[in-house]
C-alpha atoms as a PDB file:
ATOM      1  CA  MET A   1       0.000   0.000   0.000  1.00  0.00           C
ATOM      2  CA  THR A   2       1.441   3.331  -0.975  1.00  0.00           C
ATOM      3  CA  ARG A   3       1.510   6.369   1.204  1.00  0.00           C
ATOM      4  CA  THR A   4      -1.268   8.044  -0.848  1.00  0.00           C
ATOM      5  CA  GLN A   5      -3.503   4.978  -0.597  1.00  0.00           C
ATOM      6  CA  TYR A   6      -2.917   4.778   3.164  1.00  0.00           C
ATOM      7  CA  TRP A   7      -3.950   8.395   3.746  1.00  0.00           C
ATOM      8  CA  THR A   8      -6.936   8.046   1.389  1.00  0.00           C
ATOM      9  CA  VAL A   9      -8.210   4.970   3.233  1.00  0.00           C
ATOM     10  CA  THR A  10      -7.524   6.617   6.612  1.00  0.00           C
ATOM     11  CA  THR A  11      -9.431   9.752   5.556  1.00  0.00           C
ATOM     12  CA  ILE A  12     -12.378   7.695   4.315  1.00  0.00           C
ATOM     13  CA  ALA A  13     -12.376   5.661   7.560  1.00  0.00           C
ATOM     14  CA  ALA A  14     -12.351   8.867   9.647  1.00  0.00           C
ATOM     15  CA  ALA A  15     -15.246  10.249   7.579  1.00  0.00           C
ATOM     16  CA  CYS A  16     -17.202   7.005   8.078  1.00  0.00           C
ATOM     17  CA  PHE A  17     -16.524   7.134  11.812  1.00  0.00           C
ATOM     18  CA  ALA A  18     -17.729  10.764  11.973  1.00  0.00           C
ATOM     19  CA  ALA A  19     -20.860   9.815   9.996  1.00  0.00           C
ATOM     20  CA  MET A  20     -21.499   6.923  12.400  1.00  0.00           C
ATOM     21  CA  VAL A  21     -21.148   9.200  15.452  1.00  0.00           C
ATOM     22  CA  ALA A  22     -23.494  11.744  13.839  1.00  0.00           C
ATOM     23  CA  SER A  23     -26.014   8.988  13.025  1.00  0.00           C
ATOM     24  CA  ILE A  24     -25.974   7.662  16.597  1.00  0.00           C
ATOM     25  CA  THR A  25     -26.352  11.171  18.019  1.00  0.00           C
ATOM     26  CA  LEU A  26     -29.227  12.028  15.690  1.00  0.00           C
ATOM     27  CA  GLY A  27     -30.914   8.691  16.459  1.00  0.00           C
ATOM     28  CA  TYR A  28     -30.694   9.345  20.186  1.00  0.00           C
ATOM     29  CA  ASN A  29     -32.047  12.891  19.780  1.00  0.00           C
ATOM     30  CA  ASN A  30     -34.850  11.537  17.612  1.00  0.00           C
ATOM     31  CA  GLY A  31     -35.783   9.052  20.340  1.00  0.00           C
ATOM     32  CA  VAL A  32     -35.862  11.817  22.943  1.00  0.00           C
ATOM     33  CA  ALA A  33     -38.025  13.979  20.660  1.00  0.00           C
ATOM     34  CA  ARG A  34     -40.421  11.082  20.006  1.00  0.00           C
ATOM     35  CA  ALA A  35     -40.794  10.449  23.727  1.00  0.00           C
ATOM     36  CA  ASP A  36     -41.549  14.141  24.305  1.00  0.00           C
ATOM     37  CA  VAL A  37     -44.113  14.227  21.493  1.00  0.00           C
ATOM     38  CA  SER A  38     -45.720  11.041  22.799  1.00  0.00           C
ATOM     39  CA  GLN A  39     -46.009  12.513  26.280  1.00  0.00           C
ATOM     40  CA  ARG A  40     -47.553  15.723  24.942  1.00  0.00           C
ATOM     41  CA  GLN A  41     -49.971  13.741  22.775  1.00  0.00           C
ATOM     42  CA  GLN A  42     -51.081  11.736  25.796  1.00  0.00           C
ATOM     43  CA  PHE A  43     -51.651  14.974  27.741  1.00  0.00           C
ATOM     44  CA  VAL A  44     -53.763  16.412  24.919  1.00  0.00           C
ATOM     45  CA  GLN A  45     -55.846  13.236  24.661  1.00  0.00           C
ATOM     46  CA  GLN A  46     -56.460  13.201  28.402  1.00  0.00           C
ATOM     47  CA  SER A  47     -57.367  16.898  28.332  1.00  0.00           C
ATOM     48  CA  VAL A  48     -59.940  16.306  25.612  1.00  0.00           C
ATOM     49  CA  GLN A  49     -61.494  13.511  27.659  1.00  0.00           C
ATOM     50  CA  LEU A  50     -61.766  15.793  30.694  1.00  0.00           C
ATOM     51  CA  GLU A  51     -63.115  18.810  28.777  1.00  0.00           C
ATOM     52  CA  SER A  52     -66.773  17.975  29.428  1.00  0.00           C
ATOM     53  CA  LEU A  53     -66.045  17.510  33.136  1.00  0.00           C
ATOM     54  CA  TYR A  54     -64.290  20.893  33.293  1.00  0.00           C
ATOM     55  CA  THR A  55     -67.217  22.511  31.485  1.00  0.00           C
ATOM     56  CA  GLU A  56     -69.680  21.063  33.993  1.00  0.00           C
ATOM     57  CA  ILE A  57     -67.544  22.228  36.930  1.00  0.00           C
ATOM     58  CA  ILE A  58     -67.380  25.762  35.529  1.00  0.00           C
ATOM     59  CA  ARG A  59     -71.112  25.789  34.827  1.00  0.00           C
ATOM     60  CA  ALA A  60     -71.856  24.587  38.368  1.00  0.00           C
ATOM     61  CA  LEU A  61     -69.561  27.238  39.858  1.00  0.00           C
ATOM     62  CA  ALA A  62     -71.158  29.969  37.751  1.00  0.00           C
ATOM     63  CA  GLU A  63     -74.671  28.865  38.733  1.00  0.00           C
ATOM     64  CA  LEU A  64     -73.682  28.684  42.393  1.00  0.00           C
ATOM     65  CA  GLY A  65     -72.074  32.129  42.238  1.00  0.00           C
ATOM     66  CA  ALA A  66     -75.080  33.624  40.497  1.00  0.00           C
ATOM     67  CA  ARG A  67     -77.609  31.947  42.805  1.00  0.00           C
ATOM     68  CA  ASN A  68     -75.853  33.029  46.007  1.00  0.00           C
ATOM     69  CA  ASN A  69     -74.508  36.298  44.608  1.00  0.00           C
ATOM     70  CA  ASP A  70     -71.047  35.116  45.665  1.00  0.00           C
ATOM     71  CA  GLY A  71     -68.416  37.693  44.753  1.00  0.00           C
ATOM     72  CA  ASP A  72     -65.527  35.346  45.571  1.00  0.00           C
ATOM     73  CA  VAL A  73     -66.678  32.731  43.069  1.00  0.00           C
ATOM     74  CA  LYS A  74     -67.272  35.396  40.447  1.00  0.00           C
ATOM     75  CA  ALA A  75     -63.785  36.841  41.069  1.00  0.00           C
ATOM     76  CA  LEU A  76     -62.245  33.363  40.829  1.00  0.00           C
ATOM     77  CA  LEU A  77     -63.921  32.697  37.490  1.00  0.00           C
ATOM     78  CA  GLN A  78     -63.052  36.170  36.165  1.00  0.00           C
ATOM     79  CA  LYS A  79     -59.428  35.597  37.138  1.00  0.00           C
ATOM     80  CA  HIS A  80     -59.441  32.726  34.650  1.00  0.00           C
ATOM     81  CA  GLY A  81     -61.257  34.674  31.927  1.00  0.00           C
ATOM     82  CA  ILE A  82     -64.745  33.329  32.550  1.00  0.00           C
ATOM     83  CA  THR A  83     -67.569  35.820  32.927  1.00  0.00           C
ATOM     84  CA  TYR A  84     -71.260  35.288  33.465  1.00  0.00           C
ATOM     85  CA  SER A  85     -74.337  37.344  34.102  1.00  0.00           C
ATOM     86  CA  ALA A  86     -77.144  36.324  36.394  1.00  0.00           C
ATOM     87  CA  ASN A  87     -80.730  36.590  35.202  1.00  0.00           C
ATOM     88  CA  PRO A  88     -83.000  37.860  37.945  1.00  0.00           C
ATOM     89  CA  PRO A  89     -85.615  35.334  39.127  1.00  0.00           C
ATOM     90  CA  GLY A  90     -88.843  35.536  37.135  1.00  0.00           C
ATOM     91  CA  ALA A  91     -87.262  37.394  34.213  1.00  0.00           C
ATOM     92  CA  PRO A  92     -89.610  37.870  31.256  1.00  0.00           C
ATOM     93  CA  GLY A  93     -89.626  34.912  28.880  1.00  0.00           C
ATOM     94  CA  GLU A  94     -88.267  32.501  31.494  1.00  0.00           C
ATOM     95  CA  PRO A  95     -90.557  30.155  33.430  1.00  0.00           C
ATOM     96  CA  ALA A  96     -90.387  30.375  37.193  1.00  0.00           C
ATOM     97  CA  ARG A  97     -88.561  27.467  38.859  1.00  0.00           C
ATOM     98  CA  LYS A  98     -90.002  25.749  41.892  1.00  0.00           C
END
């Protein structure tokens, strides 16, 4: 093997080694990214399942706050961007509740 052939083969081997290291690093980073995406996807799916429960809780809080004229509940809901208005009992167009 001549000196030129030796350095050519050595250079190619070093390039292959660098490509292998880059491939392993990118594969590891890809695995980490997939795990993160999977975890976020699971969170989103669980949030969607709980959306109706959250809506019912908010509705119940709003009704309770309106019924009892509770300023603390109203302030709590407003803090989170939820506003409501209470209809006075026996408002026109609304049947009276017993």
